[in-house]
């Protein structure tokens, strides 16, 4: 049997309001991954931004109907699987962006989900 880090998640309700959704919309439209190291990071930045923006769209569209930590982290896992083979720097930056989303949603801990996919950031 394959280990699923979602099994470790302790579910909790998410309190949100219009301000929370507005913050998620803002995160979706702002430029991301500007501090990726390297000379030509445009392709990597575009790839990571697309995954993150897709996640934000799913959260914006679904968190009201599914206001739970487990639902949000299940959506996180879908995106984390898409970046788990990126280099260490990219994964670290992606993790930082996900922590920002968690802050907006009032989620204090991923209960090990981020570390499972991103290598212990």
N, C-alpha and C. Protein backbone atom coordinates (compact mmCIF):
# COMPACT_ATOMS: atom_id res chain seq x y z
N UNK A 1 0.85 -1.18 0.00
CA UNK A 1 0.00 0.00 0.00
C UNK A 1 0.89 1.25 0.00
N UNK A 2 0.54 2.21 -0.82
CA UNK A 2 1.31 3.44 -0.94
C UNK A 2 0.86 4.43 0.13
N UNK A 3 1.85 5.07 0.76
CA UNK A 3 1.57 6.06 1.80
C UNK A 3 0.93 7.30 1.19
N UNK A 4 -0.15 7.76 1.80
CA UNK A 4 -0.81 8.99 1.38
C UNK A 4 -0.73 9.98 2.53
N UNK A 5 0.04 11.07 2.37
CA UNK A 5 0.18 12.03 3.46
C UNK A 5 -1.13 12.68 3.88
N UNK A 6 -2.16 12.62 3.06
CA UNK A 6 -3.46 13.15 3.46
C UNK A 6 -4.04 12.37 4.64
N UNK A 7 -3.58 11.15 4.82
CA UNK A 7 -4.06 10.34 5.94
C UNK A 7 -3.66 10.95 7.28
N UNK A 8 -2.64 11.80 7.28
CA UNK A 8 -2.15 12.44 8.50
C UNK A 8 -2.85 13.77 8.79
N UNK A 9 -3.63 14.26 7.85
CA UNK A 9 -4.27 15.58 8.00
C UNK A 9 -5.39 15.51 9.02
N UNK A 10 -5.34 16.43 9.96
CA UNK A 10 -6.40 16.58 10.95
C UNK A 10 -7.35 17.65 10.41
N UNK A 11 -8.54 17.22 10.03
CA UNK A 11 -9.49 18.13 9.40
C UNK A 11 -9.99 19.18 10.40
N UNK A 12 -10.32 20.33 9.89
CA UNK A 12 -10.88 21.42 10.68
C UNK A 12 -11.66 22.33 9.74
N UNK A 13 -12.67 23.01 10.26
CA UNK A 13 -13.41 23.94 9.40
C UNK A 13 -12.55 25.16 9.06
N UNK A 14 -12.84 25.75 7.93
CA UNK A 14 -12.16 26.97 7.51
C UNK A 14 -13.17 28.11 7.62
N UNK A 15 -12.78 29.14 8.33
CA UNK A 15 -13.59 30.34 8.43
C UNK A 15 -13.16 31.27 7.30
N UNK A 16 -14.10 31.69 6.50
CA UNK A 16 -13.76 32.62 5.42
C UNK A 16 -14.91 33.57 5.18
N UNK A 17 -14.59 34.64 4.49
CA UNK A 17 -15.59 35.62 4.12
C UNK A 17 -15.21 36.22 2.78
N UNK A 18 -15.88 37.28 2.39
CA UNK A 18 -15.60 37.90 1.09
C UNK A 18 -14.15 38.39 1.00
N UNK A 19 -13.62 38.85 2.12
CA UNK A 19 -12.23 39.33 2.13
C UNK A 19 -11.26 38.19 1.81
N UNK A 20 -11.54 37.01 2.34
CA UNK A 20 -10.68 35.85 2.08
C UNK A 20 -10.68 35.52 0.60
N UNK A 21 -11.85 35.48 0.01
CA UNK A 21 -11.96 35.17 -1.41
C UNK A 21 -11.27 36.25 -2.25
N UNK A 22 -11.42 37.51 -1.84
CA UNK A 22 -10.74 38.60 -2.54
C UNK A 22 -9.23 38.42 -2.49
N UNK A 23 -8.71 38.03 -1.34
CA UNK A 23 -7.26 37.79 -1.21
C UNK A 23 -6.81 36.66 -2.12
N UNK A 24 -7.62 35.61 -2.25
CA UNK A 24 -7.27 34.51 -3.16
C UNK A 24 -7.26 35.01 -4.61
N UNK A 25 -8.22 35.86 -4.97
CA UNK A 25 -8.24 36.44 -6.31
C UNK A 25 -6.98 37.27 -6.56
N UNK A 26 -6.57 38.05 -5.57
CA UNK A 26 -5.37 38.87 -5.71
C UNK A 26 -4.14 37.97 -5.91
N UNK A 27 -4.03 36.91 -5.10
CA UNK A 27 -2.91 35.99 -5.26
C UNK A 27 -2.88 35.39 -6.66
N UNK A 28 -4.04 35.19 -7.22
CA UNK A 28 -4.10 34.56 -8.55
C UNK A 28 -3.59 35.50 -9.64
N UNK A 29 -3.82 36.80 -9.50
CA UNK A 29 -3.45 37.72 -10.58
C UNK A 29 -2.05 38.32 -10.43
N UNK A 30 -1.48 38.28 -9.23
CA UNK A 30 -0.15 38.88 -9.08
C UNK A 30 0.91 37.99 -9.73
N UNK A 31 2.00 38.63 -10.14
CA UNK A 31 3.11 37.90 -10.73
C UNK A 31 3.78 37.05 -9.64
N UNK A 32 4.18 35.86 -10.01
CA UNK A 32 4.73 34.91 -9.05
C UNK A 32 6.13 34.47 -9.46
N UNK A 33 6.85 33.95 -8.51
CA UNK A 33 8.14 33.30 -8.71
C UNK A 33 9.18 34.23 -9.34
N UNK A 34 9.16 35.51 -8.94
CA UNK A 34 10.13 36.47 -9.46
C UNK A 34 11.53 36.22 -8.92
N UNK A 35 11.65 35.52 -7.81
CA UNK A 35 12.97 35.35 -7.21
C UNK A 35 13.56 33.97 -7.46
N UNK A 36 13.08 33.28 -8.49
CA UNK A 36 13.70 32.00 -8.85
C UNK A 36 15.15 32.25 -9.26
N UNK A 37 16.08 31.45 -8.77
CA UNK A 37 17.48 31.65 -9.13
C UNK A 37 17.77 31.16 -10.55
N UNK A 38 18.76 31.76 -11.16
CA UNK A 38 19.18 31.32 -12.49
C UNK A 38 19.09 32.43 -13.50
N UNK A 39 19.62 32.16 -14.67
CA UNK A 39 19.67 33.15 -15.74
C UNK A 39 18.34 33.28 -16.46
N UNK A 40 17.84 32.17 -17.00
CA UNK A 40 16.61 32.21 -17.79
C UNK A 40 15.57 31.33 -17.11
N UNK A 41 14.72 31.95 -16.31
CA UNK A 41 13.75 31.19 -15.53
C UNK A 41 12.32 31.35 -16.08
N UNK A 42 12.19 31.96 -17.24
CA UNK A 42 10.86 32.26 -17.78
C UNK A 42 10.01 31.00 -17.94
N UNK A 43 10.57 29.93 -18.48
CA UNK A 43 9.80 28.71 -18.69
C UNK A 43 9.41 28.07 -17.36
N UNK A 44 10.34 28.01 -16.43
CA UNK A 44 10.07 27.44 -15.11
C UNK A 44 9.02 28.28 -14.37
N UNK A 45 9.18 29.59 -14.45
CA UNK A 45 8.23 30.51 -13.80
C UNK A 45 6.83 30.33 -14.39
N UNK A 46 6.73 30.22 -15.69
CA UNK A 46 5.43 30.05 -16.34
C UNK A 46 4.79 28.71 -15.94
N UNK A 47 5.60 27.67 -15.89
CA UNK A 47 5.10 26.34 -15.53
C UNK A 47 4.58 26.32 -14.09
N UNK A 48 5.36 26.84 -13.16
CA UNK A 48 4.95 26.87 -11.76
C UNK A 48 3.75 27.79 -11.54
N UNK A 49 3.74 28.92 -12.21
CA UNK A 49 2.63 29.87 -12.09
C UNK A 49 1.33 29.24 -12.58
N UNK A 50 1.40 28.49 -13.67
CA UNK A 50 0.20 27.85 -14.22
C UNK A 50 -0.38 26.85 -13.21
N UNK A 51 0.48 26.07 -12.57
CA UNK A 51 0.01 25.10 -11.58
C UNK A 51 -0.60 25.82 -10.39
N UNK A 52 0.07 26.86 -9.91
CA UNK A 52 -0.43 27.60 -8.76
C UNK A 52 -1.74 28.34 -9.07
N UNK A 53 -1.82 28.94 -10.26
CA UNK A 53 -3.04 29.65 -10.64
C UNK A 53 -4.22 28.68 -10.79
N UNK A 54 -3.95 27.48 -11.29
CA UNK A 54 -5.00 26.48 -11.38
C UNK A 54 -5.50 26.10 -9.99
N UNK A 55 -4.57 25.93 -9.05
CA UNK A 55 -4.95 25.64 -7.67
C UNK A 55 -5.81 26.76 -7.10
N UNK A 56 -5.39 28.00 -7.29
CA UNK A 56 -6.14 29.13 -6.76
C UNK A 56 -7.54 29.19 -7.38
N UNK A 57 -7.65 28.90 -8.65
CA UNK A 57 -8.97 28.89 -9.30
C UNK A 57 -9.87 27.82 -8.68
N UNK A 58 -9.31 26.64 -8.41
CA UNK A 58 -10.10 25.58 -7.78
C UNK A 58 -10.53 25.99 -6.37
N UNK A 59 -9.62 26.63 -5.64
CA UNK A 59 -9.96 27.07 -4.28
C UNK A 59 -11.04 28.15 -4.31
N UNK A 60 -10.88 29.12 -5.18
CA UNK A 60 -11.86 30.21 -5.30
C UNK A 60 -13.23 29.63 -5.65
N UNK A 61 -13.25 28.67 -6.55
CA UNK A 61 -14.51 28.09 -6.99
C UNK A 61 -15.12 27.09 -6.03
N UNK A 62 -14.32 26.55 -5.09
CA UNK A 62 -14.84 25.47 -4.28
C UNK A 62 -14.80 25.60 -2.79
N UNK A 63 -14.05 26.55 -2.26
CA UNK A 63 -13.88 26.61 -0.80
C UNK A 63 -15.19 26.97 -0.09
N UNK A 64 -16.03 27.75 -0.73
CA UNK A 64 -17.30 28.09 -0.08
C UNK A 64 -18.17 26.85 0.11
N UNK A 65 -18.18 25.97 -0.87
CA UNK A 65 -18.98 24.74 -0.77
C UNK A 65 -18.27 23.67 0.06
N UNK A 66 -16.95 23.82 0.22
CA UNK A 66 -16.15 22.82 0.94
C UNK A 66 -15.22 23.50 1.94
N UNK A 67 -15.77 24.14 2.97
CA UNK A 67 -14.93 24.93 3.89
C UNK A 67 -14.21 24.06 4.93
N UNK A 68 -13.32 23.17 4.44
CA UNK A 68 -12.58 22.33 5.38
C UNK A 68 -11.12 22.25 4.99
N UNK A 69 -10.30 22.11 6.00
CA UNK A 69 -8.85 21.98 5.81
C UNK A 69 -8.53 20.78 4.93
N UNK A 70 -9.20 19.66 5.16
CA UNK A 70 -8.93 18.45 4.38
C UNK A 70 -9.24 18.68 2.90
N UNK A 71 -10.32 19.36 2.60
CA UNK A 71 -10.65 19.63 1.19
C UNK A 71 -9.57 20.50 0.56
N UNK A 72 -9.15 21.55 1.26
CA UNK A 72 -8.12 22.44 0.72
C UNK A 72 -6.82 21.67 0.50
N UNK A 73 -6.41 20.87 1.48
CA UNK A 73 -5.15 20.15 1.34
C UNK A 73 -5.24 19.04 0.29
N UNK A 74 -6.42 18.53 0.05
CA UNK A 74 -6.60 17.58 -1.06
C UNK A 74 -6.36 18.30 -2.39
N UNK A 75 -6.84 19.52 -2.49
CA UNK A 75 -6.57 20.33 -3.69
C UNK A 75 -5.08 20.66 -3.78
N UNK A 76 -4.45 20.96 -2.65
CA UNK A 76 -3.00 21.19 -2.63
C UNK A 76 -2.28 19.97 -3.19
N UNK A 77 -2.68 18.78 -2.74
CA UNK A 77 -1.99 17.56 -3.16
C UNK A 77 -2.03 17.41 -4.68
N UNK A 78 -3.15 17.72 -5.29
CA UNK A 78 -3.25 17.64 -6.76
C UNK A 78 -2.16 18.47 -7.42
N UNK A 79 -1.92 19.66 -6.88
CA UNK A 79 -0.91 20.55 -7.45
C UNK A 79 0.50 20.11 -7.07
N UNK A 80 0.67 19.66 -5.84
CA UNK A 80 1.99 19.22 -5.39
C UNK A 80 2.51 18.05 -6.22
N UNK A 81 1.63 17.17 -6.63
CA UNK A 81 2.04 16.03 -7.47
C UNK A 81 2.61 16.51 -8.80
N UNK A 82 2.16 17.67 -9.26
CA UNK A 82 2.62 18.21 -10.54
C UNK A 82 4.00 18.85 -10.45
N UNK A 83 4.43 19.22 -9.24
CA UNK A 83 5.72 19.90 -9.10
C UNK A 83 6.75 19.08 -8.32
N UNK A 84 6.40 17.87 -7.91
CA UNK A 84 7.32 17.11 -7.06
C UNK A 84 8.62 16.73 -7.77
N UNK A 85 8.67 16.78 -9.10
CA UNK A 85 9.90 16.46 -9.82
C UNK A 85 10.68 17.70 -10.25
N UNK A 86 10.22 18.87 -9.83
CA UNK A 86 10.96 20.11 -10.12
C UNK A 86 12.23 20.13 -9.26
N UNK A 87 13.15 21.02 -9.59
CA UNK A 87 14.37 21.10 -8.78
C UNK A 87 14.06 21.68 -7.40
N UNK A 88 15.01 21.55 -6.51
CA UNK A 88 14.82 21.93 -5.11
C UNK A 88 14.39 23.39 -4.97
N UNK A 89 15.05 24.28 -5.68
CA UNK A 89 14.71 25.71 -5.57
C UNK A 89 13.27 25.97 -6.00
N UNK A 90 12.85 25.37 -7.09
CA UNK A 90 11.49 25.57 -7.57
C UNK A 90 10.48 25.04 -6.54
N UNK A 91 10.76 23.87 -5.98
CA UNK A 91 9.86 23.30 -4.97
C UNK A 91 9.79 24.19 -3.74
N UNK A 92 10.92 24.73 -3.32
CA UNK A 92 10.93 25.62 -2.15
C UNK A 92 10.09 26.87 -2.40
N UNK A 93 10.23 27.46 -3.58
CA UNK A 93 9.45 28.65 -3.91
C UNK A 93 7.96 28.30 -4.01
N UNK A 94 7.66 27.16 -4.58
CA UNK A 94 6.27 26.72 -4.67
C UNK A 94 5.69 26.53 -3.27
N UNK A 95 6.46 25.93 -2.39
CA UNK A 95 6.02 25.74 -1.02
C UNK A 95 5.75 27.05 -0.31
N UNK A 96 6.58 28.04 -0.55
CA UNK A 96 6.37 29.36 0.04
C UNK A 96 5.05 29.96 -0.43
N UNK A 97 4.76 29.81 -1.70
CA UNK A 97 3.48 30.31 -2.23
C UNK A 97 2.30 29.58 -1.58
N UNK A 98 2.44 28.28 -1.39
CA UNK A 98 1.36 27.51 -0.77
C UNK A 98 1.18 27.91 0.70
N UNK A 99 2.27 28.22 1.38
CA UNK A 99 2.17 28.69 2.76
C UNK A 99 1.42 30.02 2.82
N UNK A 100 1.61 30.86 1.81
CA UNK A 100 0.88 32.13 1.74
C UNK A 100 -0.62 31.86 1.60
N UNK A 101 -0.97 30.90 0.76
CA UNK A 101 -2.39 30.53 0.60
C UNK A 101 -2.94 30.00 1.93
N UNK A 102 -2.16 29.18 2.61
CA UNK A 102 -2.60 28.66 3.90
C UNK A 102 -2.84 29.80 4.88
N UNK A 103 -1.97 30.79 4.88
CA UNK A 103 -2.14 31.95 5.77
C UNK A 103 -3.46 32.67 5.46
N UNK A 104 -3.75 32.86 4.19
CA UNK A 104 -5.00 33.53 3.79
C UNK A 104 -6.20 32.74 4.29
N UNK A 105 -6.12 31.42 4.22
CA UNK A 105 -7.24 30.57 4.61
C UNK A 105 -7.26 30.24 6.10
N UNK A 106 -6.25 30.70 6.83
CA UNK A 106 -6.20 30.45 8.27
C UNK A 106 -5.82 29.02 8.62
N UNK A 107 -5.08 28.37 7.75
CA UNK A 107 -4.61 27.00 8.01
C UNK A 107 -3.20 27.11 8.58
N UNK A 108 -3.05 26.66 9.82
CA UNK A 108 -1.76 26.81 10.50
C UNK A 108 -0.73 25.77 10.09
N UNK A 109 -1.18 24.58 9.73
CA UNK A 109 -0.25 23.51 9.41
C UNK A 109 -0.80 22.63 8.30
N UNK A 110 0.11 22.14 7.46
CA UNK A 110 -0.30 21.19 6.42
C UNK A 110 -0.23 19.76 6.95
N UNK A 111 0.12 19.60 8.22
CA UNK A 111 0.22 18.29 8.84
C UNK A 111 1.15 17.35 8.07
N UNK A 112 2.22 17.93 7.53
CA UNK A 112 3.24 17.15 6.84
C UNK A 112 3.05 17.01 5.35
N UNK A 113 1.94 17.50 4.81
CA UNK A 113 1.68 17.34 3.37
C UNK A 113 2.72 18.06 2.52
N UNK A 114 3.03 19.31 2.85
CA UNK A 114 4.03 20.03 2.06
C UNK A 114 5.38 19.35 2.14
N UNK A 115 5.79 18.94 3.31
CA UNK A 115 7.08 18.27 3.44
C UNK A 115 7.13 16.97 2.67
N UNK A 116 6.04 16.25 2.61
CA UNK A 116 6.01 14.97 1.90
C UNK A 116 6.30 15.14 0.42
N UNK A 117 5.84 16.24 -0.16
CA UNK A 117 6.03 16.45 -1.60
C UNK A 117 7.19 17.37 -1.93
N UNK A 118 7.52 18.25 -1.03
CA UNK A 118 8.53 19.26 -1.34
C UNK A 118 9.87 19.01 -0.68
N UNK A 119 9.96 17.97 0.10
CA UNK A 119 11.25 17.59 0.66
C UNK A 119 11.59 18.30 1.95
N UNK A 120 10.64 18.53 2.80
CA UNK A 120 10.94 19.05 4.13
C UNK A 120 11.23 20.53 4.19
N UNK A 121 10.56 21.30 3.37
CA UNK A 121 10.79 22.75 3.40
C UNK A 121 10.37 23.32 4.75
